[in-house]
Amino acid sequence: MNSNIMMTLTVVLTISLVGCAGMTNQEQGRMVGATLGAVAGHHLSKGHTDRGLAIGLGALFGMAMGSAIGKDLDERDKQLMNNNFQNTLEYSKSGEQSGWSNPDSGHSGTTVAKPATQSTTVGYEYCREFTTTVNVAGEDQQGYGTACRKPDGSWEIQ
């Protein structure tokens, strides 16, 4: 998983933490980034003898990336990005690109979803792979992942 993918996934998960009371954008990004980094380190190190080191390094890398993104995105950016992400997964045709833009911050992004598949995970009905691009400070960051639809109708990144 390259840094662009990690950065974009960190952004998407950071927006889901908008409601964390008392946390700054940077702190939210740091927390989500560390978690994603540890998960990535865990998955990428299967079969290696230094798995603990890979998980730790992944957490540190993710923390740094999440902190940087969280600092740059304002609350409106996160709201627009989350609304676009949820609507794309719920309503867009496979391969159709949808976007968001915040004229106040200059940040923007797009999401493209693949066809929905039946979930094998308990508590989810359908899952969709997605590709998302976020433009922060004039730089495009691209990533991909899989999100599954929860019973309440919202989509959660796996």
N, C-alpha and C. Protein backbone atom coordinates (compact mmCIF):
# COMPACT_ATOMS: atom_id res chain seq x y z
N MET A 1 0.86 -1.18 0.00
CA MET A 1 0.00 0.00 0.00
C MET A 1 0.89 1.23 0.00
N ASN A 2 0.78 2.08 -1.04
CA ASN A 2 1.65 3.24 -1.09
C ASN A 2 1.10 4.38 -0.26
N SER A 3 1.88 5.45 -0.13
CA SER A 3 1.50 6.55 0.75
C SER A 3 0.24 7.26 0.28
N ASN A 4 0.00 7.32 -1.02
CA ASN A 4 -1.22 7.97 -1.52
C ASN A 4 -2.46 7.22 -1.08
N ILE A 5 -2.42 5.91 -1.13
CA ILE A 5 -3.56 5.11 -0.71
C ILE A 5 -3.79 5.30 0.77
N MET A 6 -2.73 5.22 1.56
CA MET A 6 -2.85 5.39 3.00
C MET A 6 -3.39 6.78 3.32
N MET A 7 -2.90 7.78 2.63
CA MET A 7 -3.33 9.15 2.91
C MET A 7 -4.82 9.31 2.61
N THR A 8 -5.27 8.79 1.49
CA THR A 8 -6.67 8.94 1.12
C THR A 8 -7.57 8.17 2.07
N LEU A 9 -7.20 6.96 2.42
CA LEU A 9 -8.00 6.21 3.37
C LEU A 9 -8.03 6.90 4.72
N THR A 10 -6.94 7.51 5.10
CA THR A 10 -6.90 8.26 6.35
C THR A 10 -7.87 9.42 6.30
N VAL A 11 -7.91 10.11 5.17
CA VAL A 11 -8.84 11.23 5.01
C VAL A 11 -10.27 10.74 5.15
N VAL A 12 -10.61 9.68 4.46
CA VAL A 12 -11.98 9.19 4.47
C VAL A 12 -12.39 8.76 5.88
N LEU A 13 -11.52 8.08 6.58
CA LEU A 13 -11.87 7.68 7.94
C LEU A 13 -11.86 8.85 8.90
N THR A 14 -11.01 9.83 8.67
CA THR A 14 -10.99 11.00 9.53
C THR A 14 -12.33 11.71 9.49
N ILE A 15 -12.96 11.76 8.31
CA ILE A 15 -14.25 12.45 8.22
C ILE A 15 -15.32 11.74 9.03
N SER A 16 -15.15 10.46 9.27
CA SER A 16 -16.15 9.74 10.05
C SER A 16 -16.02 10.05 11.54
N LEU A 17 -14.96 10.72 11.93
CA LEU A 17 -14.75 11.03 13.35
C LEU A 17 -15.07 12.48 13.70
N VAL A 18 -15.81 13.15 12.84
CA VAL A 18 -16.12 14.56 13.07
C VAL A 18 -16.73 14.76 14.44
N GLY A 19 -17.49 13.80 14.92
CA GLY A 19 -18.18 13.96 16.19
C GLY A 19 -17.33 13.70 17.42
N CYS A 20 -16.06 13.42 17.31
CA CYS A 20 -15.23 13.17 18.48
C CYS A 20 -15.03 14.47 19.26
N ALA A 21 -15.68 14.56 20.39
CA ALA A 21 -15.68 15.79 21.17
C ALA A 21 -14.27 16.15 21.64
N GLY A 22 -13.94 17.43 21.48
CA GLY A 22 -12.69 17.95 22.02
C GLY A 22 -11.45 17.65 21.22
N MET A 23 -11.59 16.94 20.12
CA MET A 23 -10.41 16.59 19.32
C MET A 23 -10.27 17.54 18.14
N THR A 24 -9.05 18.00 17.89
CA THR A 24 -8.80 18.83 16.72
C THR A 24 -8.77 17.94 15.48
N ASN A 25 -8.85 18.57 14.31
CA ASN A 25 -8.74 17.82 13.05
C ASN A 25 -7.45 17.02 13.02
N GLN A 26 -6.38 17.64 13.45
CA GLN A 26 -5.07 16.99 13.42
C GLN A 26 -5.05 15.79 14.35
N GLU A 27 -5.65 15.91 15.53
CA GLU A 27 -5.68 14.78 16.47
C GLU A 27 -6.54 13.64 15.94
N GLN A 28 -7.67 13.99 15.32
CA GLN A 28 -8.52 12.95 14.72
C GLN A 28 -7.75 12.23 13.61
N GLY A 29 -7.09 13.00 12.76
CA GLY A 29 -6.31 12.40 11.68
C GLY A 29 -5.20 11.51 12.20
N ARG A 30 -4.53 11.97 13.25
CA ARG A 30 -3.45 11.19 13.84
C ARG A 30 -3.96 9.85 14.37
N MET A 31 -5.11 9.88 15.05
CA MET A 31 -5.68 8.66 15.62
C MET A 31 -6.08 7.67 14.52
N VAL A 32 -6.81 8.16 13.53
CA VAL A 32 -7.26 7.29 12.44
C VAL A 32 -6.06 6.78 11.64
N GLY A 33 -5.10 7.65 11.37
CA GLY A 33 -3.92 7.26 10.62
C GLY A 33 -3.13 6.16 11.31
N ALA A 34 -2.98 6.28 12.63
CA ALA A 34 -2.25 5.25 13.38
C ALA A 34 -2.96 3.91 13.28
N THR A 35 -4.29 3.93 13.38
CA THR A 35 -5.06 2.69 13.28
C THR A 35 -4.93 2.07 11.90
N LEU A 36 -5.11 2.90 10.87
CA LEU A 36 -4.99 2.38 9.50
C LEU A 36 -3.58 1.87 9.21
N GLY A 37 -2.60 2.59 9.70
CA GLY A 37 -1.21 2.18 9.48
C GLY A 37 -0.92 0.83 10.13
N ALA A 38 -1.42 0.65 11.35
CA ALA A 38 -1.22 -0.63 12.03
C ALA A 38 -1.91 -1.77 11.29
N VAL A 39 -3.12 -1.52 10.81
CA VAL A 39 -3.85 -2.54 10.04
C VAL A 39 -3.09 -2.87 8.76
N ALA A 40 -2.62 -1.83 8.07
CA ALA A 40 -1.85 -2.07 6.84
C ALA A 40 -0.58 -2.86 7.13
N GLY A 41 0.13 -2.49 8.19
CA GLY A 41 1.33 -3.22 8.57
C GLY A 41 1.03 -4.68 8.88
N HIS A 42 -0.08 -4.92 9.54
CA HIS A 42 -0.50 -6.28 9.88
C HIS A 42 -0.73 -7.10 8.61
N HIS A 43 -1.48 -6.54 7.67
CA HIS A 43 -1.82 -7.27 6.45
C HIS A 43 -0.61 -7.45 5.52
N LEU A 44 0.24 -6.45 5.45
CA LEU A 44 1.38 -6.53 4.54
C LEU A 44 2.52 -7.39 5.07
N SER A 45 2.49 -7.69 6.37
CA SER A 45 3.62 -8.43 6.95
C SER A 45 3.31 -9.91 7.19
N LYS A 46 2.22 -10.40 6.68
CA LYS A 46 1.88 -11.81 6.88
C LYS A 46 3.01 -12.70 6.38
N GLY A 47 3.43 -13.61 7.24
CA GLY A 47 4.48 -14.54 6.88
C GLY A 47 5.89 -14.05 7.15
N HIS A 48 6.05 -12.80 7.60
CA HIS A 48 7.38 -12.27 7.90
C HIS A 48 7.68 -12.42 9.39
N THR A 49 8.96 -12.57 9.70
CA THR A 49 9.35 -12.75 11.10
C THR A 49 9.29 -11.45 11.90
N ASP A 50 9.40 -10.31 11.26
CA ASP A 50 9.38 -9.02 11.96
C ASP A 50 8.00 -8.36 11.86
N ARG A 51 6.98 -9.14 12.07
CA ARG A 51 5.61 -8.62 11.92
C ARG A 51 5.29 -7.50 12.91
N GLY A 52 5.73 -7.64 14.13
CA GLY A 52 5.49 -6.60 15.14
C GLY A 52 6.11 -5.28 14.73
N LEU A 53 7.31 -5.34 14.18
CA LEU A 53 7.99 -4.13 13.72
C LEU A 53 7.20 -3.49 12.57
N ALA A 54 6.71 -4.31 11.64
CA ALA A 54 5.93 -3.79 10.51
C ALA A 54 4.65 -3.11 10.99
N ILE A 55 4.00 -3.69 11.97
CA ILE A 55 2.77 -3.10 12.51
C ILE A 55 3.09 -1.76 13.19
N GLY A 56 4.16 -1.73 13.98
CA GLY A 56 4.57 -0.50 14.65
C GLY A 56 4.95 0.60 13.68
N LEU A 57 5.73 0.25 12.66
CA LEU A 57 6.12 1.23 11.65
C LEU A 57 4.91 1.72 10.86
N GLY A 58 4.00 0.81 10.56
CA GLY A 58 2.77 1.20 9.87
C GLY A 58 1.96 2.19 10.69
N ALA A 59 1.88 1.96 11.99
CA ALA A 59 1.14 2.87 12.87
C ALA A 59 1.80 4.24 12.90
N LEU A 60 3.13 4.27 12.99
CA LEU A 60 3.84 5.56 13.01
C LEU A 60 3.68 6.31 11.70
N PHE A 61 3.82 5.60 10.60
CA PHE A 61 3.66 6.22 9.28
C PHE A 61 2.23 6.76 9.12
N GLY A 62 1.25 5.94 9.48
CA GLY A 62 -0.15 6.35 9.37
C GLY A 62 -0.46 7.54 10.25
N MET A 63 0.14 7.58 11.44
CA MET A 63 -0.07 8.70 12.34
C MET A 63 0.42 10.01 11.72
N ALA A 64 1.59 9.96 11.12
CA ALA A 64 2.15 11.17 10.48
C ALA A 64 1.30 11.62 9.31
N MET A 65 0.88 10.68 8.47
CA MET A 65 0.06 11.03 7.31
C MET A 65 -1.30 11.56 7.74
N GLY A 66 -1.93 10.90 8.68
CA GLY A 66 -3.24 11.33 9.16
C GLY A 66 -3.20 12.69 9.81
N SER A 67 -2.14 12.96 10.53
CA SER A 67 -1.98 14.26 11.17
C SER A 67 -1.89 15.38 10.15
N ALA A 68 -1.13 15.14 9.10
CA ALA A 68 -0.95 16.15 8.05
C ALA A 68 -2.26 16.44 7.32
N ILE A 69 -3.00 15.40 6.97
CA ILE A 69 -4.26 15.58 6.27
C ILE A 69 -5.30 16.22 7.19
N GLY A 70 -5.41 15.73 8.42
CA GLY A 70 -6.38 16.26 9.36
C GLY A 70 -6.19 17.74 9.61
N LYS A 71 -4.94 18.18 9.60
CA LYS A 71 -4.63 19.59 9.83
C LYS A 71 -5.13 20.45 8.67
N ASP A 72 -5.06 19.93 7.45
CA ASP A 72 -5.41 20.71 6.27
C ASP A 72 -6.91 20.77 5.97
N LEU A 73 -7.66 19.75 6.32
CA LEU A 73 -9.09 19.72 5.99
C LEU A 73 -9.91 20.40 7.08
N ASP A 74 -10.81 21.29 6.66
CA ASP A 74 -11.68 21.91 7.64
C ASP A 74 -12.98 21.10 7.76
N GLU A 75 -13.85 21.51 8.67
CA GLU A 75 -15.08 20.76 8.92
C GLU A 75 -15.97 20.67 7.67
N ARG A 76 -16.04 21.74 6.92
CA ARG A 76 -16.87 21.74 5.70
C ARG A 76 -16.30 20.76 4.67
N ASP A 77 -14.96 20.72 4.52
CA ASP A 77 -14.34 19.75 3.62
C ASP A 77 -14.76 18.34 4.00
N LYS A 78 -14.67 18.03 5.28
CA LYS A 78 -15.00 16.69 5.75
C LYS A 78 -16.47 16.36 5.52
N GLN A 79 -17.34 17.35 5.73
CA GLN A 79 -18.76 17.13 5.52
C GLN A 79 -19.06 16.87 4.04
N LEU A 80 -18.50 17.69 3.16
CA LEU A 80 -18.70 17.51 1.73
C LEU A 80 -18.14 16.17 1.24
N MET A 81 -16.96 15.82 1.72
CA MET A 81 -16.33 14.57 1.32
C MET A 81 -17.15 13.37 1.78
N ASN A 82 -17.62 13.40 3.01
CA ASN A 82 -18.40 12.29 3.54
C ASN A 82 -19.73 12.16 2.80
N ASN A 83 -20.41 13.28 2.56
CA ASN A 83 -21.68 13.23 1.83
C ASN A 83 -21.48 12.64 0.44
N ASN A 84 -20.44 13.08 -0.26
CA ASN A 84 -20.15 12.55 -1.59
C ASN A 84 -19.84 11.06 -1.53
N PHE A 85 -19.03 10.66 -0.58
CA PHE A 85 -18.64 9.26 -0.43
C PHE A 85 -19.87 8.39 -0.19
N GLN A 86 -20.72 8.77 0.77
CA GLN A 86 -21.91 7.99 1.10
C GLN A 86 -22.88 7.93 -0.09
N ASN A 87 -23.11 9.07 -0.74
CA ASN A 87 -24.02 9.11 -1.88
C ASN A 87 -23.51 8.31 -3.07
N THR A 88 -22.21 8.35 -3.31
CA THR A 88 -21.63 7.58 -4.42
C THR A 88 -21.85 6.09 -4.19
N LEU A 89 -21.56 5.62 -3.00
CA LEU A 89 -21.71 4.19 -2.71
C LEU A 89 -23.18 3.76 -2.74
N GLU A 90 -24.06 4.62 -2.31
CA GLU A 90 -25.48 4.27 -2.23
C GLU A 90 -26.21 4.40 -3.57
N TYR A 91 -25.91 5.44 -4.35
CA TYR A 91 -26.74 5.75 -5.51
C TYR A 91 -26.05 5.71 -6.88
N SER A 92 -24.75 5.82 -6.94
CA SER A 92 -24.08 5.93 -8.24
C SER A 92 -23.95 4.59 -8.95
N LYS A 93 -24.05 4.64 -10.27
CA LYS A 93 -23.80 3.46 -11.09
C LYS A 93 -22.32 3.10 -11.01
N SER A 94 -22.03 1.85 -11.21
CA SER A 94 -20.65 1.39 -11.20
C SER A 94 -19.85 2.14 -12.26
N GLY A 95 -18.69 2.63 -11.87
CA GLY A 95 -17.81 3.34 -12.78
C GLY A 95 -18.12 4.81 -12.95
N GLU A 96 -19.23 5.26 -12.39
CA GLU A 96 -19.63 6.67 -12.50
C GLU A 96 -18.90 7.50 -11.44
N GLN A 97 -18.29 8.59 -11.88
CA GLN A 97 -17.54 9.45 -10.97
C GLN A 97 -18.44 10.55 -10.41
N SER A 98 -18.34 10.77 -9.10
CA SER A 98 -19.06 11.89 -8.48
C SER A 98 -18.03 12.69 -7.69
N GLY A 99 -18.30 13.97 -7.52
CA GLY A 99 -17.29 14.80 -6.88
C GLY A 99 -17.85 15.79 -5.89
N TRP A 100 -16.94 16.39 -5.15
CA TRP A 100 -17.27 17.45 -4.20
C TRP A 100 -16.22 18.54 -4.34
N SER A 101 -16.59 19.74 -3.92
CA SER A 101 -15.65 20.85 -3.99
C SER A 101 -16.04 21.88 -2.94
N ASN A 102 -15.05 22.41 -2.24
CA ASN A 102 -15.28 23.46 -1.26
C ASN A 102 -14.61 24.73 -1.79
N PRO A 103 -15.38 25.68 -2.31
CA PRO A 103 -14.78 26.89 -2.87
C PRO A 103 -14.06 27.74 -1.82
N ASP A 104 -14.43 27.60 -0.56
CA ASP A 104 -13.78 28.39 0.49
C ASP A 104 -12.36 27.91 0.78
N SER A 105 -12.16 26.60 0.79
CA SER A 105 -10.82 26.07 1.09
C SER A 105 -10.02 25.74 -0.18
N GLY A 106 -10.74 25.54 -1.30
CA GLY A 106 -10.07 25.14 -2.54
C GLY A 106 -9.84 23.64 -2.62
N HIS A 107 -10.27 22.87 -1.62
CA HIS A 107 -10.10 21.42 -1.63
C HIS A 107 -11.26 20.77 -2.38
N SER A 108 -10.99 19.63 -2.99
CA SER A 108 -12.01 18.92 -3.76
C SER A 108 -11.66 17.44 -3.81
N GLY A 109 -12.57 16.66 -4.39
CA GLY A 109 -12.30 15.24 -4.52
C GLY A 109 -13.35 14.55 -5.35
N THR A 110 -13.08 13.30 -5.68
CA THR A 110 -14.01 12.47 -6.44
C THR A 110 -14.02 11.06 -5.86
N THR A 111 -15.10 10.34 -6.13
CA THR A 111 -15.20 8.94 -5.75
C THR A 111 -15.84 8.18 -6.89
N VAL A 112 -15.33 6.99 -7.17
CA VAL A 112 -15.88 6.07 -8.17
C VAL A 112 -16.05 4.72 -7.48
N ALA A 113 -17.24 4.13 -7.60
CA ALA A 113 -17.50 2.84 -6.97
C ALA A 113 -17.65 1.75 -8.02
N LYS A 114 -17.23 0.55 -7.65
CA LYS A 114 -17.41 -0.63 -8.49
C LYS A 114 -18.75 -1.28 -8.14
N PRO A 115 -19.13 -2.34 -8.85
CA PRO A 115 -20.41 -3.00 -8.56
C PRO A 115 -20.49 -3.52 -7.13
N ALA A 116 -21.70 -3.49 -6.58
CA ALA A 116 -21.93 -4.04 -5.24
C ALA A 116 -21.86 -5.56 -5.29
N THR A 117 -21.32 -6.13 -4.24
CA THR A 117 -21.28 -7.58 -4.11
C THR A 117 -21.92 -7.97 -2.78
N GLN A 118 -22.44 -9.18 -2.72
CA GLN A 118 -23.03 -9.68 -1.49
C GLN A 118 -21.94 -9.81 -0.44
N SER A 119 -22.18 -9.30 0.75
CA SER A 119 -21.19 -9.34 1.81
C SER A 119 -21.12 -10.71 2.46
N THR A 120 -19.93 -11.10 2.86
CA THR A 120 -19.75 -12.33 3.63
C THR A 120 -19.50 -11.99 5.09
N THR A 121 -19.52 -10.69 5.42
CA THR A 121 -19.26 -10.23 6.77
C THR A 121 -20.58 -10.07 7.52
N VAL A 122 -20.65 -10.61 8.72
CA VAL A 122 -21.86 -10.53 9.52
C VAL A 122 -22.21 -9.07 9.80
N GLY A 123 -23.48 -8.73 9.63
CA GLY A 123 -23.95 -7.38 9.92
C GLY A 123 -23.94 -6.45 8.71
N TYR A 124 -23.47 -6.92 7.56
CA TYR A 124 -23.45 -6.09 6.35
C TYR A 124 -24.17 -6.83 5.24
N GLU A 125 -24.87 -6.07 4.41
CA GLU A 125 -25.61 -6.68 3.31
C GLU A 125 -24.81 -6.69 2.02
N TYR A 126 -24.26 -5.51 1.66
CA TYR A 126 -23.51 -5.37 0.42
C TYR A 126 -22.21 -4.64 0.66
N CYS A 127 -21.23 -4.89 -0.21
CA CYS A 127 -19.95 -4.18 -0.17
C CYS A 127 -19.64 -3.68 -1.57
N ARG A 128 -18.89 -2.56 -1.63
CA ARG A 128 -18.44 -2.01 -2.91
C ARG A 128 -17.00 -1.56 -2.76
N GLU A 129 -16.19 -1.93 -3.74
CA GLU A 129 -14.86 -1.37 -3.82
C GLU A 129 -14.99 0.04 -4.36
N PHE A 130 -14.07 0.91 -3.99
CA PHE A 130 -14.13 2.29 -4.45
C PHE A 130 -12.72 2.83 -4.68
N THR A 131 -12.66 3.85 -5.49
CA THR A 131 -11.44 4.63 -5.69
C THR A 131 -11.81 6.06 -5.36
N THR A 132 -10.98 6.72 -4.60
CA THR A 132 -11.26 8.11 -4.24
C THR A 132 -10.01 8.96 -4.45
N THR A 133 -10.23 10.18 -4.86
CA THR A 133 -9.14 11.13 -5.05
C THR A 133 -9.49 12.38 -4.25
N VAL A 134 -8.53 12.87 -3.50
CA VAL A 134 -8.72 14.09 -2.72
C VAL A 134 -7.62 15.07 -3.12
N ASN A 135 -8.02 16.30 -3.42
CA ASN A 135 -7.05 17.33 -3.75
C ASN A 135 -6.93 18.26 -2.55
N VAL A 136 -5.78 18.20 -1.89
CA VAL A 136 -5.49 19.03 -0.72
C VAL A 136 -4.26 19.84 -1.03
N ALA A 137 -4.37 21.14 -0.88
CA ALA A 137 -3.25 22.05 -1.11
C ALA A 137 -2.66 21.87 -2.51
N GLY A 138 -3.53 21.63 -3.50
CA GLY A 138 -3.07 21.51 -4.88
C GLY A 138 -2.47 20.17 -5.26
N GLU A 139 -2.49 19.20 -4.35
CA GLU A 139 -1.92 17.89 -4.60
C GLU A 139 -2.99 16.82 -4.57
N ASP A 140 -3.09 16.02 -5.65
CA ASP A 140 -4.04 14.91 -5.68
C ASP A 140 -3.46 13.73 -4.92
N GLN A 141 -4.29 13.15 -4.05
CA GLN A 141 -3.94 11.93 -3.34
C GLN A 141 -5.01 10.91 -3.69
N GLN A 142 -4.59 9.75 -4.18
CA GLN A 142 -5.55 8.74 -4.62
C GLN A 142 -5.43 7.49 -3.78
N GLY A 143 -6.55 6.86 -3.57
CA GLY A 143 -6.55 5.62 -2.81
C GLY A 143 -7.74 4.77 -3.20
N TYR A 144 -7.78 3.58 -2.65
CA TYR A 144 -8.88 2.67 -2.92
C TYR A 144 -9.14 1.84 -1.68
N GLY A 145 -10.30 1.22 -1.65
CA GLY A 145 -10.66 0.38 -0.52
C GLY A 145 -11.98 -0.30 -0.78
N THR A 146 -12.54 -0.87 0.26
CA THR A 146 -13.83 -1.53 0.20
C THR A 146 -14.68 -1.00 1.35
N ALA A 147 -15.91 -0.66 1.04
CA ALA A 147 -16.85 -0.22 2.07
C ALA A 147 -18.08 -1.13 2.03
N CYS A 148 -18.64 -1.39 3.20
CA CYS A 148 -19.83 -2.24 3.28
C CYS A 148 -20.98 -1.45 3.89
N ARG A 149 -22.18 -1.77 3.43
CA ARG A 149 -23.39 -1.07 3.87
C ARG A 149 -23.87 -1.65 5.19
N LYS A 150 -24.00 -0.78 6.18
CA LYS A 150 -24.50 -1.18 7.49
C LYS A 150 -26.03 -1.21 7.46
N PRO A 151 -26.65 -1.88 8.43
CA PRO A 151 -28.12 -1.95 8.46
C PRO A 151 -28.80 -0.57 8.50
N ASP A 152 -28.13 0.45 9.04
CA ASP A 152 -28.73 1.78 9.10
C ASP A 152 -28.63 2.53 7.77
N GLY A 153 -28.02 1.90 6.74
CA GLY A 153 -27.92 2.50 5.42
C GLY A 153 -26.62 3.24 5.16
N SER A 154 -25.80 3.45 6.17
CA SER A 154 -24.51 4.13 5.97
C SER A 154 -23.47 3.10 5.51
N TRP A 155 -22.41 3.62 4.90
CA TRP A 155 -21.33 2.77 4.39
C TRP A 155 -20.12 2.92 5.27
N GLU A 156 -19.48 1.81 5.57
CA GLU A 156 -18.32 1.79 6.48
C GLU A 156 -17.14 1.14 5.76
N ILE A 157 -15.99 1.80 5.83
CA ILE A 157 -14.78 1.25 5.20
C ILE A 157 -14.30 0.05 6.00
N GLN A 158 -13.97 -1.00 5.28
CA GLN A 158 -13.49 -2.24 5.90
C GLN A 158 -11.99 -2.27 5.98
